[in-house]
C-alpha atoms as a PDB file:
ATOM      1  CA  MET A   1      62.867 -37.222 -17.638  1.00  0.00           C
ATOM      2  CA  THR A   2      61.598 -34.183 -15.776  1.00  0.00           C
ATOM      3  CA  ILE A   3      57.898 -34.753 -16.494  1.00  0.00           C
ATOM      4  CA  LYS A   4      56.141 -33.751 -13.292  1.00  0.00           C
ATOM      5  CA  THR A   5      54.079 -36.767 -12.321  1.00  0.00           C
ATOM      6  CA  LEU A   6      53.439 -38.460  -8.995  1.00  0.00           C
ATOM      7  CA  THR A   7      55.061 -41.613 -10.362  1.00  0.00           C
ATOM      8  CA  HIS A   8      58.328 -39.852 -11.156  1.00  0.00           C
ATOM      9  CA  GLN A   9      58.311 -38.053  -7.815  1.00  0.00           C
ATOM     10  CA  THR A  10      57.778 -41.362  -6.020  1.00  0.00           C
ATOM     11  CA  VAL A  11      60.658 -43.045  -7.864  1.00  0.00           C
ATOM     12  CA  ALA A  12      63.002 -40.174  -6.987  1.00  0.00           C
ATOM     13  CA  LEU A  13      61.919 -40.344  -3.346  1.00  0.00           C
ATOM     14  CA  ALA A  14      62.588 -44.078  -3.358  1.00  0.00           C
ATOM     15  CA  GLY A  15      66.115 -43.294  -4.559  1.00  0.00           C
ATOM     16  CA  LEU A  16      66.536 -40.834  -1.700  1.00  0.00           C
ATOM     17  CA  ALA A  17      65.077 -43.332   0.778  1.00  0.00           C
ATOM     18  CA  GLN A  18      67.464 -46.049  -0.398  1.00  0.00           C
ATOM     19  CA  SER A  19      70.457 -43.768   0.095  1.00  0.00           C
ATOM     20  CA  VAL A  20      69.580 -42.694   3.643  1.00  0.00           C
ATOM     21  CA  TYR A  21      68.595 -46.246   4.604  1.00  0.00           C
ATOM     22  CA  LEU A  22      72.053 -47.436   3.547  1.00  0.00           C
ATOM     23  CA  VAL A  23      73.619 -44.549   5.494  1.00  0.00           C
ATOM     24  CA  GLN A  24      71.846 -45.812   8.596  1.00  0.00           C
ATOM     25  CA  ARG A  25      72.860 -49.396   7.943  1.00  0.00           C
ATOM     26  CA  LEU A  26      76.521 -48.502   7.456  1.00  0.00           C
ATOM     27  CA  ALA A  27      76.543 -46.330  10.570  1.00  0.00           C
ATOM     28  CA  ARG A  28      75.024 -49.120  12.668  1.00  0.00           C
ATOM     29  CA  HIS A  29      76.563 -52.238  11.150  1.00  0.00           C
ATOM     30  CA  GLY A  30      79.513 -51.126   9.021  1.00  0.00           C
ATOM     31  CA  THR A  31      78.266 -52.909   5.884  1.00  0.00           C
ATOM     32  CA  ALA A  32      75.593 -52.526   3.216  1.00  0.00           C
ATOM     33  CA  PRO A  33      74.473 -54.668   0.247  1.00  0.00           C
ATOM     34  CA  GLY A  34      76.790 -54.150  -2.715  1.00  0.00           C
ATOM     35  CA  ASP A  35      74.033 -54.017  -5.337  1.00  0.00           C
ATOM     36  CA  ASP A  36      72.139 -51.339  -3.426  1.00  0.00           C
ATOM     37  CA  LEU A  37      75.335 -49.353  -2.965  1.00  0.00           C
ATOM     38  CA  GLU A  38      76.145 -49.575  -6.663  1.00  0.00           C
ATOM     39  CA  THR A  39      72.673 -48.314  -7.572  1.00  0.00           C
ATOM     40  CA  CYS A  40      73.125 -45.230  -5.414  1.00  0.00           C
ATOM     41  CA  VAL A  41      76.666 -44.533  -6.602  1.00  0.00           C
ATOM     42  CA  SER A  42      75.790 -44.929 -10.274  1.00  0.00           C
ATOM     43  CA  SER A  43      72.883 -42.473  -9.902  1.00  0.00           C
ATOM     44  CA  ILE A  44      75.389 -39.734  -9.079  1.00  0.00           C
ATOM     45  CA  PHE A  45      76.976 -40.158 -12.504  1.00  0.00           C
ATOM     46  CA  LYS A  46      73.649 -40.275 -14.400  1.00  0.00           C
ATOM     47  CA  ILE A  47      73.326 -36.581 -15.135  1.00  0.00           C
ATOM     48  CA  ASN A  48      71.477 -37.078 -18.413  1.00  0.00           C
ATOM     49  CA  SER A  49      69.114 -40.056 -18.629  1.00  0.00           C
ATOM     50  CA  ASP A  50      66.189 -41.086 -20.774  1.00  0.00           C
ATOM     51  CA  SER A  51      63.878 -41.543 -17.790  1.00  0.00           C
ATOM     52  CA  VAL A  52      63.721 -41.198 -14.020  1.00  0.00           C
ATOM     53  CA  ALA A  53      63.964 -44.971 -13.626  1.00  0.00           C
ATOM     54  CA  ASP A  54      67.069 -45.007 -15.839  1.00  0.00           C
ATOM     55  CA  VAL A  55      68.895 -42.822 -13.311  1.00  0.00           C
ATOM     56  CA  TYR A  56      68.860 -45.859 -11.020  1.00  0.00           C
ATOM     57  CA  GLY A  57      69.330 -48.518 -13.671  1.00  0.00           C
ATOM     58  CA  GLY A  58      65.668 -49.581 -13.553  1.00  0.00           C
ATOM     59  CA  LEU A  59      62.947 -49.760 -10.927  1.00  0.00           C
ATOM     60  CA  ASP A  60      64.056 -53.218  -9.821  1.00  0.00           C
ATOM     61  CA  ARG A  61      67.264 -51.625  -8.503  1.00  0.00           C
ATOM     62  CA  LEU A  62      65.201 -49.627  -6.010  1.00  0.00           C
ATOM     63  CA  LYS A  63      63.505 -52.462  -4.112  1.00  0.00           C
ATOM     64  CA  THR A  64      65.227 -51.431  -0.896  1.00  0.00           C
ATOM     65  CA  GLY A  65      64.276 -47.814  -1.489  1.00  0.00           C
ATOM     66  CA  PHE A  66      60.621 -48.632  -2.109  1.00  0.00           C
ATOM     67  CA  GLN A  67      60.503 -50.722   1.058  1.00  0.00           C
ATOM     68  CA  ALA A  68      62.043 -47.896   3.075  1.00  0.00           C
ATOM     69  CA  LEU A  69      59.728 -45.295   1.520  1.00  0.00           C
ATOM     70  CA  LYS A  70      56.692 -47.465   2.174  1.00  0.00           C
ATOM     71  CA  GLN A  71      57.688 -47.654   5.838  1.00  0.00           C
ATOM     72  CA  GLN A  72      58.198 -43.899   6.062  1.00  0.00           C
ATOM     73  CA  LEU A  73      54.826 -43.178   4.486  1.00  0.00           C
ATOM     74  CA  GLY A  74      53.104 -45.294   7.113  1.00  0.00           C
ATOM     75  CA  GLY A  75      52.732 -48.485   5.133  1.00  0.00           C
ATOM     76  CA  GLY A  76      54.845 -50.733   7.358  1.00  0.00           C
ATOM     77  CA  ARG A  77      54.226 -52.582  10.586  1.00  0.00           C
ATOM     78  CA  ASP A  78      57.013 -50.902  12.553  1.00  0.00           C
ATOM     79  CA  GLY A  79      55.953 -47.293  12.034  1.00  0.00           C
ATOM     80  CA  ILE A  80      57.953 -44.347  10.779  1.00  0.00           C
ATOM     81  CA  ASP A  81      61.688 -44.334  11.527  1.00  0.00           C
ATOM     82  CA  GLY A  82      62.391 -40.894  12.978  1.00  0.00           C
ATOM     83  CA  GLU A  83      66.104 -41.082  12.265  1.00  0.00           C
ATOM     84  CA  LEU A  84      65.582 -41.824   8.563  1.00  0.00           C
ATOM     85  CA  ALA A  85      62.938 -39.090   8.366  1.00  0.00           C
ATOM     86  CA  ARG A  86      65.435 -36.615   9.834  1.00  0.00           C
ATOM     87  CA  TYR A  87      68.167 -37.639   7.395  1.00  0.00           C
ATOM     88  CA  ALA A  88      65.821 -37.286   4.420  1.00  0.00           C
ATOM     89  CA  ALA A  89      64.357 -33.967   5.573  1.00  0.00           C
ATOM     90  CA  THR A  90      67.826 -32.500   6.096  1.00  0.00           C
ATOM     91  CA  VAL A  91      68.931 -33.632   2.638  1.00  0.00           C
ATOM     92  CA  VAL A  92      65.907 -31.923   1.071  1.00  0.00           C
ATOM     93  CA  VAL A  93      66.763 -28.658   2.864  1.00  0.00           C
ATOM     94  CA  LEU A  94      70.395 -28.918   1.749  1.00  0.00           C
ATOM     95  CA  GLU A  95      69.328 -29.449  -1.863  1.00  0.00           C
ATOM     96  CA  ILE A  96      67.217 -26.283  -1.733  1.00  0.00           C
ATOM     97  CA  LYS A  97      70.228 -24.315  -0.510  1.00  0.00           C
ATOM     98  CA  LEU A  98      72.498 -25.952  -3.086  1.00  0.00           C
ATOM     99  CA  ASN A  99      70.082 -24.903  -5.835  1.00  0.00           C
ATOM    100  CA  GLU A 100      70.931 -21.278  -5.025  1.00  0.00           C
ATOM    101  CA  LYS A 101      74.714 -21.758  -5.269  1.00  0.00           C
ATOM    102  CA  ARG A 102      75.818 -21.987  -8.899  1.00  0.00           C
ATOM    103  CA  ARG A 103      79.544 -22.093  -8.160  1.00  0.00           C
ATOM    104  CA  MET A 104      79.102 -24.977  -5.743  1.00  0.00           C
ATOM    105  CA  GLN A 105      76.997 -26.838  -8.310  1.00  0.00           C
ATOM    106  CA  GLN A 106      79.789 -26.465 -10.855  1.00  0.00           C
ATOM    107  CA  ALA A 107      82.393 -27.604  -8.321  1.00  0.00           C
ATOM    108  CA  ILE A 108      80.293 -30.692  -7.639  1.00  0.00           C
ATOM    109  CA  ARG A 109      79.916 -31.433 -11.350  1.00  0.00           C
ATOM    110  CA  ASP A 110      83.688 -31.109 -11.820  1.00  0.00           C
ATOM    111  CA  GLY A 111      84.358 -33.404  -8.870  1.00  0.00           C
ATOM    112  CA  VAL A 112      81.858 -35.983 -10.049  1.00  0.00           C
ATOM    113  CA  GLU A 113      83.443 -35.939 -13.496  1.00  0.00           C
ATOM    114  CA  ARG A 114      86.847 -36.688 -11.964  1.00  0.00           C
ATOM    115  CA  ALA A 115      85.321 -39.483  -9.880  1.00  0.00           C
ATOM    116  CA  SER A 116      83.659 -40.856 -13.000  1.00  0.00           C
ATOM    117  CA  ALA A 117      87.084 -41.416 -14.557  1.00  0.00           C
ATOM    118  CA  LYS A 118      88.089 -43.399 -11.478  1.00  0.00           C
ATOM    119  CA  ALA A 119      84.876 -45.445 -11.689  1.00  0.00           C
ATOM    120  CA  ALA A 120      85.605 -46.271 -15.317  1.00  0.00           C
ATOM    121  CA  HIS A 121      89.076 -47.487 -14.325  1.00  0.00           C
ATOM    122  CA  PHE A 122      88.495 -49.195 -10.965  1.00  0.00           C
ATOM    123  CA  GLY A 123      84.772 -50.052 -10.999  1.00  0.00           C
ATOM    124  CA  MET A 124      81.741 -48.356  -9.511  1.00  0.00           C
ATOM    125  CA  VAL A 125      82.147 -49.476  -5.893  1.00  0.00           C
ATOM    126  CA  HIS A 126      85.918 -49.273  -5.506  1.00  0.00           C
ATOM    127  CA  ASP A 127      87.416 -47.569  -2.452  1.00  0.00           C
ATOM    128  CA  ASN A 128      89.059 -44.942  -4.680  1.00  0.00           C
ATOM    129  CA  VAL A 129      85.664 -43.994  -6.126  1.00  0.00           C
ATOM    130  CA  PHE A 130      84.099 -43.704  -2.674  1.00  0.00           C
ATOM    131  CA  ALA A 131      87.034 -41.565  -1.537  1.00  0.00           C
ATOM    132  CA  ALA A 132      86.674 -39.232  -4.534  1.00  0.00           C
ATOM    133  CA  LEU A 133      82.916 -38.807  -4.148  1.00  0.00           C
ATOM    134  CA  ALA A 134      83.209 -38.409  -0.380  1.00  0.00           C
ATOM    135  CA  GLU A 135      85.651 -35.562  -1.003  1.00  0.00           C
ATOM    136  CA  VAL A 136      83.126 -33.898  -3.322  1.00  0.00           C
ATOM    137  CA  TYR A 137      80.517 -34.084  -0.578  1.00  0.00           C
ATOM    138  CA  GLN A 138      82.859 -32.927   2.173  1.00  0.00           C
ATOM    139  CA  GLN A 139      84.233 -29.940   0.255  1.00  0.00           C
ATOM    140  CA  ASN A 140      80.827 -28.731  -0.900  1.00  0.00           C
ATOM    141  CA  ILE A 141      77.643 -30.040   0.715  1.00  0.00           C
ATOM    142  CA  SER A 142      79.274 -30.215   4.157  1.00  0.00           C
ATOM    143  CA  GLU A 143      79.784 -26.450   3.968  1.00  0.00           C
ATOM    144  CA  LEU A 144      76.006 -25.917   3.957  1.00  0.00           C
ATOM    145  CA  ARG A 145      73.773 -25.915   6.999  1.00  0.00           C
ATOM    146  CA  PRO A 146      72.185 -27.814   8.581  1.00  0.00           C
ATOM    147  CA  ARG A 147      74.562 -30.750   8.407  1.00  0.00           C
ATOM    148  CA  VAL A 148      73.301 -34.296   8.293  1.00  0.00           C
ATOM    149  CA  MET A 149      74.213 -35.586  11.747  1.00  0.00           C
ATOM    150  CA  VAL A 150      74.646 -39.332  11.300  1.00  0.00           C
ATOM    151  CA  GLN A 151      74.244 -41.498  14.382  1.00  0.00           C
ATOM    152  CA  GLY A 152      75.760 -44.937  14.789  1.00  0.00           C
ATOM    153  CA  GLU A 153      78.563 -46.999  16.244  1.00  0.00           C
ATOM    154  CA  PRO A 154      81.709 -44.870  16.752  1.00  0.00           C
ATOM    155  CA  SER A 155      83.927 -47.712  15.542  1.00  0.00           C
ATOM    156  CA  TYR A 156      82.178 -47.599  12.173  1.00  0.00           C
ATOM    157  CA  LEU A 157      81.755 -43.835  11.940  1.00  0.00           C
ATOM    158  CA  ASN A 158      85.480 -43.371  12.636  1.00  0.00           C
ATOM    159  CA  ASN A 159      86.493 -45.922  10.005  1.00  0.00           C
ATOM    160  CA  PRO A 160      87.677 -43.942   6.944  1.00  0.00           C
ATOM    161  CA  ASP A 161      86.272 -46.431   4.429  1.00  0.00           C
ATOM    162  CA  VAL A 162      82.851 -46.499   6.090  1.00  0.00           C
ATOM    163  CA  ALA A 163      82.864 -42.708   6.428  1.00  0.00           C
ATOM    164  CA  ASN A 164      83.626 -42.360   2.704  1.00  0.00           C
ATOM    165  CA  ARG A 165      80.715 -44.641   1.856  1.00  0.00           C
ATOM    166  CA  ILE A 166      78.375 -42.664   4.092  1.00  0.00           C
ATOM    167  CA  ARG A 167      79.377 -39.346   2.536  1.00  0.00           C
ATOM    168  CA  THR A 168      78.999 -40.837  -0.939  1.00  0.00           C
ATOM    169  CA  LEU A 169      75.505 -42.038  -0.081  1.00  0.00           C
ATOM    170  CA  LEU A 170      74.588 -38.602   1.232  1.00  0.00           C
ATOM    171  CA  LEU A 171      75.759 -37.172  -2.094  1.00  0.00           C
ATOM    172  CA  SER A 172      73.535 -39.672  -3.901  1.00  0.00           C
ATOM    173  CA  ALA A 173      70.659 -38.669  -1.610  1.00  0.00           C
ATOM    174  CA  VAL A 174      71.150 -35.049  -2.653  1.00  0.00           C
ATOM    175  CA  ARG A 175      71.192 -36.160  -6.297  1.00  0.00           C
ATOM    176  CA  SER A 176      67.811 -37.872  -5.755  1.00  0.00           C
ATOM    177  CA  ALA A 177      66.490 -34.743  -4.037  1.00  0.00           C
ATOM    178  CA  VAL A 178      67.496 -32.721  -7.113  1.00  0.00           C
ATOM    179  CA  LEU A 179      65.653 -35.200  -9.330  1.00  0.00           C
ATOM    180  CA  TRP A 180      62.604 -35.132  -7.041  1.00  0.00           C
ATOM    181  CA  ARG A 181      62.407 -31.329  -7.252  1.00  0.00           C
ATOM    182  CA  GLN A 182      62.860 -31.419 -11.043  1.00  0.00           C
ATOM    183  CA  CYS A 183      59.893 -33.801 -11.205  1.00  0.00           C
ATOM    184  CA  GLY A 184      57.714 -31.364  -9.258  1.00  0.00           C
ATOM    185  CA  GLY A 185      58.382 -32.674  -5.758  1.00  0.00           C
ATOM    186  CA  ARG A 186      57.779 -30.287  -2.860  1.00  0.00           C
ATOM    187  CA  ARG A 187      57.809 -30.860   0.883  1.00  0.00           C
ATOM    188  CA  TRP A 188      54.175 -29.871   1.299  1.00  0.00           C
ATOM    189  CA  LYS A 189      53.131 -32.479  -1.252  1.00  0.00           C
ATOM    190  CA  ILE A 190      54.477 -35.263   0.969  1.00  0.00           C
ATOM    191  CA  LEU A 191      52.124 -34.097   3.710  1.00  0.00           C
ATOM    192  CA  LEU A 192      49.072 -33.549   1.514  1.00  0.00           C
ATOM    193  CA  TYR A 193      49.496 -36.508  -0.837  1.00  0.00           C
ATOM    194  CA  ARG A 194      50.946 -39.081   1.555  1.00  0.00           C
ATOM    195  CA  ARG A 195      48.119 -41.576   0.944  1.00  0.00           C
ATOM    196  CA  ARG A 196      48.292 -41.201  -2.833  1.00  0.00           C
ATOM    197  CA  MET A 197      52.061 -41.558  -2.742  1.00  0.00           C
ATOM    198  CA  LEU A 198      51.831 -44.689  -0.595  1.00  0.00           C
ATOM    199  CA  ASP A 199      49.342 -46.165  -3.070  1.00  0.00           C
ATOM    200  CA  GLU A 200      51.828 -45.372  -5.849  1.00  0.00           C
ATOM    201  CA  VAL A 201      54.619 -47.119  -3.942  1.00  0.00           C
ATOM    202  CA  TRP A 202      52.458 -50.230  -3.616  1.00  0.00           C
ATOM    203  CA  ARG A 203      51.588 -50.091  -7.329  1.00  0.00           C
ATOM    204  CA  LEU A 204      55.218 -49.762  -8.380  1.00  0.00           C
ATOM    205  CA  MET A 205      56.352 -52.530  -6.037  1.00  0.00           C
ATOM    206  CA  ARG A 206      53.852 -54.903  -7.643  1.00  0.00           C
ATOM    207  CA  THR A 207      55.590 -54.360 -10.987  1.00  0.00           C
ATOM    208  CA  LEU A 208      58.992 -55.466  -9.691  1.00  0.00           C
END
């Protein structure tokens, strides 16, 4: 699963892009597609998988992520979304800092394991699961700096259920950032290999 290829790095980045795109959507509109949410939530629980694509339940579960990544790499008509770029960049920095904190990593694993039991009982996208995973994020990742400063409608951001979904998605974004690094992803590669990565996004999207 951790073979360091451009394809695997691109898939992991699509997972990250899908998570932060849904964060933006929830913050602005209060809702997000259930299937896309489930893909992101389930990736948090996929610690050991046979392939990078399996972390997300298959490439077809990342259509939204590929579309968002294509846009961010300059392949869309509307240009790069600065807000999404900031969310993603902050998540990557947080993952680097998390990689240096073994105790926090263990605390996250323990919290995810407890949330996994709730998911098995209630279902993957139940409010209790979002609450449990949001707590994992808040008690661990939120202690690191810089924080991901989410912008949106106050009525949605102040809604506990929406806030729990946003924090859960940020946790899934960090999980994708971990996977991206394991596959050889580095920030400088996005700058140097942007064109190659965009071509890879197009190639993968044609297979869906």
